[in-house]
Amino acid sequence: TGLQVEINTISSAFGGLSFLVSRLHKFLIERFEIPTYNVTNLPPNNTTKNISDALALAHTLHSNKDSVVMMVVNSGEINSTDQRLVEYKLWEDHHVRLIRRSLTDVAQRAALNEVTKELTIDGYVVAVCYYRSGYQPSDYPTQQEWNARLLMERSIAIKCPNINYHLVGTKKMQQILAEPGMVEKFVSDASSVSLLRSCFAGLYSLDPDDNPEQIIKQVLSDPDSYVMKPQREGGGNLLHGESMVSALNNMPPSERAAYIIMDKIVPKATDTPVILRNGNLAIMDAISELGIYGIYIGSDNKEYTNSAAGILVRTKSRNDADGGVCAGVAVLDSPHLVD
């Protein structure tokens, strides 16, 4: 059974590139007849199409059919190639226009009709706000970026995610959902509850109201078995080893409460061939993390779609405790299923 690492609602990238990586590996296995792999063991991975189809469905729910999808991006976006693949597929299959704007752009040029709550920017009516930025404190350098987020939230545009779903992705919510009786509030079937709980790693509160002294004592006595996680999406934010010990010993309780403790997940490492940045081939003692893209569109009283949209595999050296692809630590990969 796999163990859940986290839920990301904005930092959910590579829907375009993961599709291409799957195609690349399928091509290489077939073209060069690599005996250690069987192409039938590569699961289908139509992430680009599924994500663009979901954006198109959301777009149809807006009353103005000439409206656009607005992808909210960083001003100096470094992942535009991946994002463009979704943009082009959305136009190719559905003729829905996607525009790219930063939070600063929205703050300076967007407007909200206070009667209809329609959001406009640069002459476009916005049907969907698709956040690819806005999950890091650095994305809000001034108050105007926060104002932009509030403006979009107040509009009738469908938000991906809205603020409620964004908050559901925090580590604190993940820790609370793992507490006894919490999953049962949402799922009544006992076997489904058991299956869900089998995916939870140990999660522990550091809130002073939850009396965290015992878990802190455990972590300090065996720091290699735990990680300390902040309320953040994306890689590069974990505290572990000496940095975690120092934080637990020196942070005031109010600051420490912004983190949770999680059992360290130790997957099996395998010898994996990788191509380095210099073009050389190397064998890495590597571990992999599987991500599942999920799509949900719904209102207070209707569910329009609820499905998996594809997979993402990130592979990195077992010696790298934290960090993803954009951080320069991991590489995109695809699964090869075996018994």
C-alpha atoms as a PDB file:
ATOM      1  CA  THR A   1       0.000   0.000   0.000  1.00  0.00           C
ATOM      2  CA  GLY A   2       1.278   3.439  -0.894  1.00  0.00           C
ATOM      3  CA  LEU A   3       1.385   6.206   1.691  1.00  0.00           C
ATOM      4  CA  GLN A   4      -0.012   9.668   1.059  1.00  0.00           C
ATOM      5  CA  VAL A   5       2.577  12.448   1.074  1.00  0.00           C
ATOM      6  CA  GLU A   6       0.359  15.494   0.586  1.00  0.00           C
ATOM      7  CA  ILE A   7      -2.369  17.166  -1.450  1.00  0.00           C
ATOM      8  CA  ASN A   8      -1.457  20.060  -3.736  1.00  0.00           C
ATOM      9  CA  THR A   9      -4.189  22.285  -5.134  1.00  0.00           C
ATOM     10  CA  ILE A  10      -2.022  24.836  -6.994  1.00  0.00           C
ATOM     11  CA  SER A  11       1.478  23.350  -7.006  1.00  0.00           C
ATOM     12  CA  SER A  12       0.254  20.602  -9.336  1.00  0.00           C
ATOM     13  CA  ALA A  13       2.476  21.054 -12.357  1.00  0.00           C
ATOM     14  CA  PHE A  14       3.717  18.956 -15.287  1.00  0.00           C
ATOM     15  CA  GLY A  15       0.341  17.870 -16.629  1.00  0.00           C
ATOM     16  CA  GLY A  16       1.756  18.593 -20.084  1.00  0.00           C
ATOM     17  CA  LEU A  17       5.278  17.282 -19.668  1.00  0.00           C
ATOM     18  CA  SER A  18       4.307  14.090 -17.822  1.00  0.00           C
ATOM     19  CA  PHE A  19       2.259  13.110 -20.882  1.00  0.00           C
ATOM     20  CA  LEU A  20       5.291  13.661 -23.125  1.00  0.00           C
ATOM     21  CA  VAL A  21       7.586  11.698 -20.810  1.00  0.00           C
ATOM     22  CA  SER A  22       5.163   8.757 -20.947  1.00  0.00           C
ATOM     23  CA  ARG A  23       5.183   8.953 -24.744  1.00  0.00           C
ATOM     24  CA  LEU A  24       8.990   9.174 -24.771  1.00  0.00           C
ATOM     25  CA  HIS A  25       9.414   6.041 -22.661  1.00  0.00           C
ATOM     26  CA  LYS A  26       6.878   4.138 -24.766  1.00  0.00           C
ATOM     27  CA  PHE A  27       8.726   5.165 -27.928  1.00  0.00           C
ATOM     28  CA  LEU A  28      12.136   4.161 -26.561  1.00  0.00           C
ATOM     29  CA  ILE A  29      10.940   0.735 -25.417  1.00  0.00           C
ATOM     30  CA  GLU A  30       9.268  -0.008 -28.765  1.00  0.00           C
ATOM     31  CA  ARG A  31      11.903   1.541 -31.005  1.00  0.00           C
ATOM     32  CA  PHE A  32      14.933  -0.052 -29.378  1.00  0.00           C
ATOM     33  CA  GLU A  33      13.231  -3.251 -28.150  1.00  0.00           C
ATOM     34  CA  ILE A  34      14.606  -2.878 -24.627  1.00  0.00           C
ATOM     35  CA  PRO A  35      14.268  -6.396 -23.166  1.00  0.00           C
ATOM     36  CA  THR A  36      13.915  -5.399 -19.514  1.00  0.00           C
ATOM     37  CA  TYR A  37      10.719  -3.427 -20.205  1.00  0.00           C
ATOM     38  CA  ASN A  38       7.342  -4.323 -21.680  1.00  0.00           C
ATOM     39  CA  VAL A  39       5.406  -1.508 -23.290  1.00  0.00           C
ATOM     40  CA  THR A  40       2.103  -3.057 -22.190  1.00  0.00           C
ATOM     41  CA  ASN A  41       3.185  -2.407 -18.594  1.00  0.00           C
ATOM     42  CA  LEU A  42       3.157   1.349 -19.158  1.00  0.00           C
ATOM     43  CA  PRO A  43      -0.234   2.706 -18.034  1.00  0.00           C
ATOM     44  CA  PRO A  44      -2.001   5.241 -20.288  1.00  0.00           C
ATOM     45  CA  ASN A  45      -1.385   8.829 -19.251  1.00  0.00           C
ATOM     46  CA  ASN A  46      -3.505  11.384 -21.097  1.00  0.00           C
ATOM     47  CA  THR A  47      -2.955  14.208 -18.615  1.00  0.00           C
ATOM     48  CA  THR A  48      -2.830  17.081 -21.111  1.00  0.00           C
ATOM     49  CA  LYS A  49      -6.131  16.127 -22.719  1.00  0.00           C
ATOM     50  CA  ASN A  50      -7.897  15.399 -19.440  1.00  0.00           C
ATOM     51  CA  ILE A  51      -6.839  18.682 -17.829  1.00  0.00           C
ATOM     52  CA  SER A  52      -7.796  20.718 -20.903  1.00  0.00           C
ATOM     53  CA  ASP A  53     -11.135  18.875 -21.122  1.00  0.00           C
ATOM     54  CA  ALA A  54     -11.855  19.808 -17.493  1.00  0.00           C
ATOM     55  CA  LEU A  55     -11.030  23.460 -18.118  1.00  0.00           C
ATOM     56  CA  ALA A  56     -13.323  23.405 -21.157  1.00  0.00           C
ATOM     57  CA  LEU A  57     -16.153  21.889 -19.103  1.00  0.00           C
ATOM     58  CA  ALA A  58     -15.735  24.583 -16.465  1.00  0.00           C
ATOM     59  CA  HIS A  59     -15.775  27.200 -19.230  1.00  0.00           C
ATOM     60  CA  THR A  60     -19.142  25.944 -20.522  1.00  0.00           C
ATOM     61  CA  LEU A  61     -20.693  26.659 -17.121  1.00  0.00           C
ATOM     62  CA  HIS A  62     -20.157  30.405 -17.569  1.00  0.00           C
ATOM     63  CA  SER A  63     -23.006  32.309 -19.200  1.00  0.00           C
ATOM     64  CA  ASN A  64     -20.681  34.206 -21.571  1.00  0.00           C
ATOM     65  CA  LYS A  65     -19.446  31.772 -24.209  1.00  0.00           C
ATOM     66  CA  ASP A  66     -16.906  34.319 -25.481  1.00  0.00           C
ATOM     67  CA  SER A  67     -15.212  34.318 -22.075  1.00  0.00           C
ATOM     68  CA  VAL A  68     -11.705  32.990 -21.452  1.00  0.00           C
ATOM     69  CA  VAL A  69      -9.750  30.822 -19.064  1.00  0.00           C
ATOM     70  CA  MET A  70      -7.172  32.903 -17.187  1.00  0.00           C
ATOM     71  CA  MET A  71      -4.081  31.043 -16.030  1.00  0.00           C
ATOM     72  CA  VAL A  72      -2.588  32.888 -13.049  1.00  0.00           C
ATOM     73  CA  VAL A  73       1.191  32.609 -13.438  1.00  0.00           C
ATOM     74  CA  ASN A  74       4.353  34.038 -11.929  1.00  0.00           C
ATOM     75  CA  SER A  75       5.738  37.200 -13.519  1.00  0.00           C
ATOM     76  CA  GLY A  76       8.996  35.342 -14.232  1.00  0.00           C
ATOM     77  CA  GLU A  77       7.457  31.935 -14.898  1.00  0.00           C
ATOM     78  CA  ILE A  78      10.039  29.154 -15.425  1.00  0.00           C
ATOM     79  CA  ASN A  79       7.547  26.381 -16.201  1.00  0.00           C
ATOM     80  CA  SER A  80       5.811  27.967 -19.168  1.00  0.00           C
ATOM     81  CA  THR A  81       6.606  25.108 -21.578  1.00  0.00           C
ATOM     82  CA  ASP A  82       4.534  22.681 -19.518  1.00  0.00           C
ATOM     83  CA  GLN A  83       1.729  25.208 -19.119  1.00  0.00           C
ATOM     84  CA  ARG A  84       1.629  26.049 -22.828  1.00  0.00           C
ATOM     85  CA  LEU A  85       0.897  22.415 -23.701  1.00  0.00           C
ATOM     86  CA  VAL A  86      -2.374  22.629 -21.747  1.00  0.00           C
ATOM     87  CA  GLU A  87      -3.145  26.016 -23.316  1.00  0.00           C
ATOM     88  CA  TYR A  88      -2.635  24.710 -26.870  1.00  0.00           C
ATOM     89  CA  LYS A  89      -4.654  21.534 -26.231  1.00  0.00           C
ATOM     90  CA  LEU A  90      -7.518  23.595 -24.838  1.00  0.00           C
ATOM     91  CA  TRP A  91      -7.639  25.610 -28.053  1.00  0.00           C
ATOM     92  CA  GLU A  92      -7.019  22.662 -30.362  1.00  0.00           C
ATOM     93  CA  ASP A  93      -9.815  20.491 -28.943  1.00  0.00           C
ATOM     94  CA  HIS A  94     -12.313  23.089 -27.716  1.00  0.00           C
ATOM     95  CA  HIS A  95     -11.449  26.480 -29.254  1.00  0.00           C
ATOM     96  CA  VAL A  96     -11.382  27.996 -25.782  1.00  0.00           C
ATOM     97  CA  ARG A  97      -8.930  30.859 -25.389  1.00  0.00           C
ATOM     98  CA  LEU A  98      -6.524  30.816 -22.453  1.00  0.00           C
ATOM     99  CA  ILE A  99      -4.755  33.991 -21.356  1.00  0.00           C
ATOM    100  CA  ARG A 100      -1.830  34.245 -18.943  1.00  0.00           C
ATOM    101  CA  ARG A 101      -1.765  36.931 -16.261  1.00  0.00           C
ATOM    102  CA  SER A 102       0.142  37.410 -13.008  1.00  0.00           C
ATOM    103  CA  LEU A 103      -1.376  38.440  -9.696  1.00  0.00           C
ATOM    104  CA  THR A 104       0.175  41.857 -10.250  1.00  0.00           C
ATOM    105  CA  ASP A 105      -1.517  42.078 -13.679  1.00  0.00           C
ATOM    106  CA  VAL A 106      -4.858  41.243 -12.069  1.00  0.00           C
ATOM    107  CA  ALA A 107      -4.327  43.819  -9.334  1.00  0.00           C
ATOM    108  CA  GLN A 108      -3.517  46.560 -11.823  1.00  0.00           C
ATOM    109  CA  ARG A 109      -5.887  45.827 -14.716  1.00  0.00           C
ATOM    110  CA  ALA A 110      -8.766  43.563 -13.665  1.00  0.00           C
ATOM    111  CA  ALA A 111     -12.216  44.831 -12.712  1.00  0.00           C
ATOM    112  CA  LEU A 112     -15.187  43.299 -10.926  1.00  0.00           C
ATOM    113  CA  ASN A 113     -18.767  44.248 -11.746  1.00  0.00           C
ATOM    114  CA  GLU A 114     -20.231  44.698  -8.283  1.00  0.00           C
ATOM    115  CA  VAL A 115     -23.731  43.856  -9.562  1.00  0.00           C
ATOM    116  CA  THR A 116     -23.117  40.772 -11.733  1.00  0.00           C
ATOM    117  CA  LYS A 117     -19.766  39.808 -10.090  1.00  0.00           C
ATOM    118  CA  GLU A 118     -18.340  39.315 -13.585  1.00  0.00           C
ATOM    119  CA  LEU A 119     -14.539  39.527 -13.735  1.00  0.00           C
ATOM    120  CA  THR A 120     -12.857  41.250 -16.683  1.00  0.00           C
ATOM    121  CA  ILE A 121      -9.267  42.013 -17.647  1.00  0.00           C
ATOM    122  CA  ASP A 122      -7.831  43.630 -20.775  1.00  0.00           C
ATOM    123  CA  GLY A 123     -11.225  43.403 -22.493  1.00  0.00           C
ATOM    124  CA  TYR A 124     -11.749  39.699 -21.705  1.00  0.00           C
ATOM    125  CA  VAL A 125     -14.504  38.232 -19.536  1.00  0.00           C
ATOM    126  CA  VAL A 126     -12.944  35.581 -17.286  1.00  0.00           C
ATOM    127  CA  ALA A 127     -14.846  32.300 -16.872  1.00  0.00           C
ATOM    128  CA  VAL A 128     -12.149  30.312 -15.052  1.00  0.00           C
ATOM    129  CA  CYS A 129      -9.244  31.420 -12.850  1.00  0.00           C
ATOM    130  CA  TYR A 130      -6.712  28.588 -13.119  1.00  0.00           C
ATOM    131  CA  TYR A 131      -4.036  29.160 -10.489  1.00  0.00           C
ATOM    132  CA  ARG A 132      -0.532  28.072 -11.396  1.00  0.00           C
ATOM    133  CA  SER A 133       0.840  30.637  -8.961  1.00  0.00           C
ATOM    134  CA  GLY A 134      -0.249  31.926  -5.597  1.00  0.00           C
ATOM    135  CA  TYR A 135       0.843  29.141  -3.259  1.00  0.00           C
ATOM    136  CA  GLN A 136       4.060  30.692  -1.935  1.00  0.00           C
ATOM    137  CA  PRO A 137       4.465  33.772   0.297  1.00  0.00           C
ATOM    138  CA  SER A 138       6.816  35.231  -2.319  1.00  0.00           C
ATOM    139  CA  ASP A 139       3.887  35.278  -4.784  1.00  0.00           C
ATOM    140  CA  TYR A 140       2.382  38.075  -2.667  1.00  0.00           C
ATOM    141  CA  PRO A 141       5.170  40.667  -2.390  1.00  0.00           C
ATOM    142  CA  THR A 142       2.763  43.540  -1.719  1.00  0.00           C
ATOM    143  CA  GLN A 143      -0.812  44.081  -0.588  1.00  0.00           C
ATOM    144  CA  GLN A 144      -1.956  44.499  -4.191  1.00  0.00           C
ATOM    145  CA  GLU A 145      -1.370  40.788  -4.915  1.00  0.00           C
ATOM    146  CA  TRP A 146      -3.545  39.881  -1.927  1.00  0.00           C
ATOM    147  CA  ASN A 147      -6.153  42.311  -3.240  1.00  0.00           C
ATOM    148  CA  ALA A 148      -6.029  40.546  -6.616  1.00  0.00           C
ATOM    149  CA  ARG A 149      -6.655  37.173  -4.972  1.00  0.00           C
ATOM    150  CA  LEU A 150      -9.656  38.601  -3.110  1.00  0.00           C
ATOM    151  CA  LEU A 151     -11.003  40.196  -6.299  1.00  0.00           C
ATOM    152  CA  MET A 152     -10.956  36.857  -8.129  1.00  0.00           C
ATOM    153  CA  GLU A 153     -12.445  35.059  -5.148  1.00  0.00           C
ATOM    154  CA  ARG A 154     -15.386  37.469  -5.062  1.00  0.00           C
ATOM    155  CA  SER A 155     -16.145  36.960  -8.757  1.00  0.00           C
ATOM    156  CA  ILE A 156     -18.465  34.403 -10.397  1.00  0.00           C
ATOM    157  CA  ALA A 157     -15.507  32.934 -12.274  1.00  0.00           C
ATOM    158  CA  ILE A 158     -14.817  29.310 -11.372  1.00  0.00           C
ATOM    159  CA  LYS A 159     -11.650  29.167  -9.320  1.00  0.00           C
ATOM    160  CA  CYS A 160      -9.167  26.302  -9.537  1.00  0.00           C
ATOM    161  CA  PRO A 161      -8.898  26.196  -6.601  1.00  0.00           C
ATOM    162  CA  ASN A 162     -11.201  28.467  -4.665  1.00  0.00           C
ATOM    163  CA  ILE A 163      -9.909  29.551  -1.284  1.00  0.00           C
ATOM    164  CA  ASN A 164     -11.774  26.773   0.541  1.00  0.00           C
ATOM    165  CA  TYR A 165     -10.129  24.037  -1.496  1.00  0.00           C
ATOM    166  CA  HIS A 166      -6.771  25.766  -1.262  1.00  0.00           C
ATOM    167  CA  LEU A 167      -6.985  25.640   2.537  1.00  0.00           C
ATOM    168  CA  VAL A 168      -8.035  21.975   2.439  1.00  0.00           C
ATOM    169  CA  GLY A 169      -4.612  21.259   0.926  1.00  0.00           C
ATOM    170  CA  THR A 170      -2.728  22.550   3.976  1.00  0.00           C
ATOM    171  CA  LYS A 171      -0.731  20.104   6.069  1.00  0.00           C
ATOM    172  CA  LYS A 172      -2.788  20.967   9.161  1.00  0.00           C
ATOM    173  CA  MET A 173      -5.959  19.807   7.428  1.00  0.00           C
ATOM    174  CA  GLN A 174      -4.163  16.635   6.347  1.00  0.00           C
ATOM    175  CA  GLN A 175      -3.153  15.987   9.954  1.00  0.00           C
ATOM    176  CA  ILE A 176      -6.668  16.657  11.290  1.00  0.00           C
ATOM    177  CA  LEU A 177      -8.297  14.374   8.707  1.00  0.00           C
ATOM    178  CA  ALA A 178      -6.072  11.536   9.920  1.00  0.00           C
ATOM    179  CA  GLU A 179      -7.406  11.846  13.489  1.00  0.00           C
ATOM    180  CA  PRO A 180      -9.830   9.160  14.743  1.00  0.00           C
ATOM    181  CA  GLY A 181     -13.396   9.755  13.615  1.00  0.00           C
ATOM    182  CA  MET A 182     -12.624  12.432  11.025  1.00  0.00           C
ATOM    183  CA  VAL A 183     -12.742  10.367   7.823  1.00  0.00           C
ATOM    184  CA  GLU A 184     -15.920   8.745   9.129  1.00  0.00           C
ATOM    185  CA  LYS A 185     -17.659  12.136   8.985  1.00  0.00           C
ATOM    186  CA  PHE A 186     -17.382  12.045   5.185  1.00  0.00           C
ATOM    187  CA  VAL A 187     -17.295   8.325   4.321  1.00  0.00           C
ATOM    188  CA  SER A 188     -19.806   5.903   5.827  1.00  0.00           C
ATOM    189  CA  ASP A 189     -18.615   2.616   4.315  1.00  0.00           C
ATOM    190  CA  ALA A 190     -16.306   0.895   6.821  1.00  0.00           C
ATOM    191  CA  SER A 191     -14.181  -0.880   4.185  1.00  0.00           C
ATOM    192  CA  SER A 192     -13.602   2.391   2.313  1.00  0.00           C
ATOM    193  CA  VAL A 193     -12.609   4.093   5.566  1.00  0.00           C
ATOM    194  CA  SER A 194     -10.142   1.299   6.305  1.00  0.00           C
ATOM    195  CA  LEU A 195      -8.665   1.559   2.805  1.00  0.00           C
ATOM    196  CA  LEU A 196      -8.265   5.321   3.112  1.00  0.00           C
ATOM    197  CA  ARG A 197      -6.647   5.087   6.523  1.00  0.00           C
ATOM    198  CA  SER A 198      -4.166   2.496   5.254  1.00  0.00           C
ATOM    199  CA  CYS A 199      -2.713   5.286   3.070  1.00  0.00           C
ATOM    200  CA  PHE A 200      -2.081   7.686   5.954  1.00  0.00           C
ATOM    201  CA  ALA A 201       1.401   8.021   7.376  1.00  0.00           C
ATOM    202  CA  GLY A 202       1.672   9.056  11.012  1.00  0.00           C
ATOM    203  CA  LEU A 203       0.728  12.739  11.378  1.00  0.00           C
ATOM    204  CA  TYR A 204       1.103  14.706  14.612  1.00  0.00           C
ATOM    205  CA  SER A 205       0.063  18.164  15.768  1.00  0.00           C
ATOM    206  CA  LEU A 206       2.507  20.704  17.215  1.00  0.00           C
ATOM    207  CA  ASP A 207      -0.265  23.001  18.410  1.00  0.00           C
ATOM    208  CA  PRO A 208       0.209  23.848  22.122  1.00  0.00           C
ATOM    209  CA  ASP A 209      -3.483  23.053  22.703  1.00  0.00           C
ATOM    210  CA  ASP A 210      -2.827  19.459  21.579  1.00  0.00           C
ATOM    211  CA  ASN A 211      -0.089  18.814  24.169  1.00  0.00           C
ATOM    212  CA  PRO A 212       2.696  17.978  21.688  1.00  0.00           C
ATOM    213  CA  GLU A 213       5.376  17.317  24.331  1.00  0.00           C
ATOM    214  CA  GLN A 214       5.345  13.550  23.804  1.00  0.00           C
ATOM    215  CA  ILE A 215       5.742  13.648  20.011  1.00  0.00           C
ATOM    216  CA  ILE A 216       8.454  16.319  20.333  1.00  0.00           C
ATOM    217  CA  LYS A 217      10.312  14.037  22.729  1.00  0.00           C
ATOM    218  CA  GLN A 218       9.996  11.134  20.283  1.00  0.00           C
ATOM    219  CA  VAL A 219      11.254  13.210  17.366  1.00  0.00           C
ATOM    220  CA  LEU A 220      14.249  14.538  19.273  1.00  0.00           C
ATOM    221  CA  SER A 221      15.208  11.004  20.306  1.00  0.00           C
ATOM    222  CA  ASP A 222      14.929   9.636  16.738  1.00  0.00           C
ATOM    223  CA  PRO A 223      15.018  12.540  14.230  1.00  0.00           C
ATOM    224  CA  ASP A 224      15.779  10.311  11.222  1.00  0.00           C
ATOM    225  CA  SER A 225      12.281   8.806  11.480  1.00  0.00           C
ATOM    226  CA  TYR A 226      10.348  12.069  11.095  1.00  0.00           C
ATOM    227  CA  VAL A 227      10.016  15.255   9.033  1.00  0.00           C
ATOM    228  CA  MET A 228       8.595  18.651  10.014  1.00  0.00           C
ATOM    229  CA  LYS A 229       6.235  20.179   7.459  1.00  0.00           C
ATOM    230  CA  PRO A 230       4.965  23.784   7.146  1.00  0.00           C
ATOM    231  CA  GLN A 231       1.643  24.904   5.647  1.00  0.00           C
ATOM    232  CA  ARG A 232       3.134  25.123   2.172  1.00  0.00           C
ATOM    233  CA  GLU A 233       2.777  23.546  -1.254  1.00  0.00           C
ATOM    234  CA  GLY A 234       5.727  22.770  -3.487  1.00  0.00           C
ATOM    235  CA  GLY A 235       9.127  21.321  -2.676  1.00  0.00           C
ATOM    236  CA  GLY A 236      12.044  22.600  -0.648  1.00  0.00           C
ATOM    237  CA  ASN A 237      10.184  23.522   2.552  1.00  0.00           C
ATOM    238  CA  LEU A 238      10.658  20.501   4.804  1.00  0.00           C
ATOM    239  CA  LEU A 239      12.694  20.568   7.983  1.00  0.00           C
ATOM    240  CA  HIS A 240      14.543  17.350   8.745  1.00  0.00           C
ATOM    241  CA  GLY A 241      17.591  16.090  10.602  1.00  0.00           C
ATOM    242  CA  GLU A 242      19.568  18.787  12.396  1.00  0.00           C
ATOM    243  CA  SER A 243      17.414  21.642  11.067  1.00  0.00           C
ATOM    244  CA  MET A 244      14.297  19.996  12.491  1.00  0.00           C
ATOM    245  CA  VAL A 245      15.946  19.360  15.853  1.00  0.00           C
ATOM    246  CA  SER A 246      17.075  22.982  16.010  1.00  0.00           C
ATOM    247  CA  ALA A 247      13.591  24.239  15.147  1.00  0.00           C
ATOM    248  CA  LEU A 248      11.930  22.105  17.799  1.00  0.00           C
ATOM    249  CA  ASN A 249      14.416  23.250  20.417  1.00  0.00           C
ATOM    250  CA  ASN A 250      14.399  26.947  19.549  1.00  0.00           C
ATOM    251  CA  MET A 251      11.057  27.927  18.001  1.00  0.00           C
ATOM    252  CA  PRO A 252       8.507  29.479  20.362  1.00  0.00           C
ATOM    253  CA  PRO A 253       5.363  27.318  20.666  1.00  0.00           C
ATOM    254  CA  SER A 254       3.287  29.792  18.619  1.00  0.00           C
ATOM    255  CA  GLU A 255       5.661  29.539  15.655  1.00  0.00           C
ATOM    256  CA  ARG A 256       6.096  25.792  16.029  1.00  0.00           C
ATOM    257  CA  ALA A 257       2.315  25.372  15.841  1.00  0.00           C
ATOM    258  CA  ALA A 258       2.441  26.378  12.160  1.00  0.00           C
ATOM    259  CA  TYR A 259       4.110  23.025  11.423  1.00  0.00           C
ATOM    260  CA  ILE A 260       3.124  19.380  11.758  1.00  0.00           C
ATOM    261  CA  ILE A 261       5.247  16.284  12.308  1.00  0.00           C
ATOM    262  CA  MET A 262       4.985  13.390   9.861  1.00  0.00           C
ATOM    263  CA  ASP A 263       6.493   9.931   9.907  1.00  0.00           C
ATOM    264  CA  LYS A 264       9.295   9.828   7.360  1.00  0.00           C
ATOM    265  CA  ILE A 265       8.295   7.704   4.374  1.00  0.00           C
ATOM    266  CA  VAL A 266      11.165   5.465   3.269  1.00  0.00           C
ATOM    267  CA  PRO A 267      10.389   3.904  -0.133  1.00  0.00           C
ATOM    268  CA  LYS A 268      12.483   1.146  -1.631  1.00  0.00           C
ATOM    269  CA  ALA A 269      15.429   2.489  -3.632  1.00  0.00           C
ATOM    270  CA  THR A 270      16.380   0.978  -6.997  1.00  0.00           C
ATOM    271  CA  ASP A 271      19.264   1.422  -9.418  1.00  0.00           C
ATOM    272  CA  THR A 272      17.852   3.782 -12.035  1.00  0.00           C
ATOM    273  CA  PRO A 273      19.524   5.035 -15.247  1.00  0.00           C
ATOM    274  CA  VAL A 274      19.252   8.816 -15.552  1.00  0.00           C
ATOM    275  CA  ILE A 275      20.592  11.406 -17.983  1.00  0.00           C
ATOM    276  CA  LEU A 276      22.462  14.177 -16.166  1.00  0.00           C
ATOM    277  CA  ARG A 277      22.402  17.843 -17.118  1.00  0.00           C
ATOM    278  CA  ASN A 278      25.778  17.444 -18.858  1.00  0.00           C
ATOM    279  CA  GLY A 279      24.254  14.767 -21.095  1.00  0.00           C
ATOM    280  CA  ASN A 280      26.054  11.849 -19.453  1.00  0.00           C
ATOM    281  CA  LEU A 281      24.278   8.654 -18.446  1.00  0.00           C
ATOM    282  CA  ALA A 282      24.540   7.643 -14.785  1.00  0.00           C
ATOM    283  CA  ILE A 283      23.071   5.020 -12.462  1.00  0.00           C
ATOM    284  CA  MET A 284      21.295   6.584  -9.487  1.00  0.00           C
ATOM    285  CA  ASP A 285      20.255   4.897  -6.253  1.00  0.00           C
ATOM    286  CA  ALA A 286      16.813   6.385  -6.661  1.00  0.00           C
ATOM    287  CA  ILE A 287      13.379   6.583  -5.097  1.00  0.00           C
ATOM    288  CA  SER A 288      10.164   7.637  -6.809  1.00  0.00           C
ATOM    289  CA  GLU A 289       6.990   9.446  -5.797  1.00  0.00           C
ATOM    290  CA  LEU A 290       3.716   8.857  -7.618  1.00  0.00           C
ATOM    291  CA  GLY A 291       1.281  11.725  -8.073  1.00  0.00           C
ATOM    292  CA  ILE A 292      -2.348  11.384  -9.193  1.00  0.00           C
ATOM    293  CA  TYR A 293      -3.993  14.316 -10.946  1.00  0.00           C
ATOM    294  CA  GLY A 294      -7.577  14.744  -9.802  1.00  0.00           C
ATOM    295  CA  ILE A 295     -10.395  16.745 -11.379  1.00  0.00           C
ATOM    296  CA  TYR A 296     -13.475  17.931  -9.545  1.00  0.00           C
ATOM    297  CA  ILE A 297     -16.077  20.445 -10.693  1.00  0.00           C
ATOM    298  CA  GLY A 298     -19.167  20.939  -8.595  1.00  0.00           C
ATOM    299  CA  SER A 299     -21.583  23.381  -7.034  1.00  0.00           C
ATOM    300  CA  ASP A 300     -23.576  23.337  -3.811  1.00  0.00           C
ATOM    301  CA  ASN A 301     -26.049  20.857  -5.254  1.00  0.00           C
ATOM    302  CA  LYS A 302     -24.490  19.279  -8.355  1.00  0.00           C
ATOM    303  CA  GLU A 303     -21.353  17.358  -9.235  1.00  0.00           C
ATOM    304  CA  TYR A 304     -20.280  17.836 -12.861  1.00  0.00           C
ATOM    305  CA  THR A 305     -17.170  15.657 -12.852  1.00  0.00           C
ATOM    306  CA  ASN A 306     -15.027  13.826 -10.317  1.00  0.00           C
ATOM    307  CA  SER A 307     -12.236  11.738 -11.804  1.00  0.00           C
ATOM    308  CA  ALA A 308      -8.546  10.971 -12.016  1.00  0.00           C
ATOM    309  CA  ALA A 309      -6.808  12.778 -14.875  1.00  0.00           C
ATOM    310  CA  GLY A 310      -3.457  11.027 -15.100  1.00  0.00           C
ATOM    311  CA  ILE A 311      -0.229  10.380 -13.276  1.00  0.00           C
ATOM    312  CA  LEU A 312       3.085  12.022 -12.516  1.00  0.00           C
ATOM    313  CA  VAL A 313       6.204  10.223 -11.310  1.00  0.00           C
ATOM    314  CA  ARG A 314       9.142  12.149  -9.857  1.00  0.00           C
ATOM    315  CA  THR A 315      12.389  10.286  -9.305  1.00  0.00           C
ATOM    316  CA  LYS A 316      15.356  11.490  -7.271  1.00  0.00           C
ATOM    317  CA  SER A 317      18.369  10.230  -5.376  1.00  0.00           C
ATOM    318  CA  ARG A 318      17.543   8.609  -2.050  1.00  0.00           C
ATOM    319  CA  ASN A 319      20.089  11.013  -0.505  1.00  0.00           C
ATOM    320  CA  ASP A 320      17.951  14.080  -1.350  1.00  0.00           C
ATOM    321  CA  ALA A 321      15.555  14.551   1.536  1.00  0.00           C
ATOM    322  CA  ASP A 322      13.409  17.262  -0.043  1.00  0.00           C
ATOM    323  CA  GLY A 323      12.836  19.114  -3.287  1.00  0.00           C
ATOM    324  CA  GLY A 324      11.114  18.545  -6.616  1.00  0.00           C
ATOM    325  CA  VAL A 325      11.711  18.958 -10.314  1.00  0.00           C
ATOM    326  CA  CYS A 326      11.644  22.762 -10.352  1.00  0.00           C
ATOM    327  CA  ALA A 327      14.051  22.779  -7.415  1.00  0.00           C
ATOM    328  CA  GLY A 328      16.518  20.862  -9.590  1.00  0.00           C
ATOM    329  CA  VAL A 329      16.491  17.751  -7.397  1.00  0.00           C
ATOM    330  CA  ALA A 330      14.048  15.349  -9.080  1.00  0.00           C
ATOM    331  CA  VAL A 331      13.367  14.305 -12.679  1.00  0.00           C
ATOM    332  CA  LEU A 332      10.119  13.413 -14.436  1.00  0.00           C
ATOM    333  CA  ASP A 333       9.584   9.702 -14.879  1.00  0.00           C
ATOM    334  CA  SER A 334       6.855   7.167 -15.678  1.00  0.00           C
ATOM    335  CA  PRO A 335       5.762   3.961 -13.962  1.00  0.00           C
ATOM    336  CA  HIS A 336       6.465   0.477 -15.322  1.00  0.00           C
ATOM    337  CA  LEU A 337       3.956  -1.860 -13.683  1.00  0.00           C
ATOM    338  CA  VAL A 338       5.106  -5.287 -12.531  1.00  0.00           C
ATOM    339  CA  ASP A 339       3.585  -8.044 -10.382  1.00  0.00           C
END
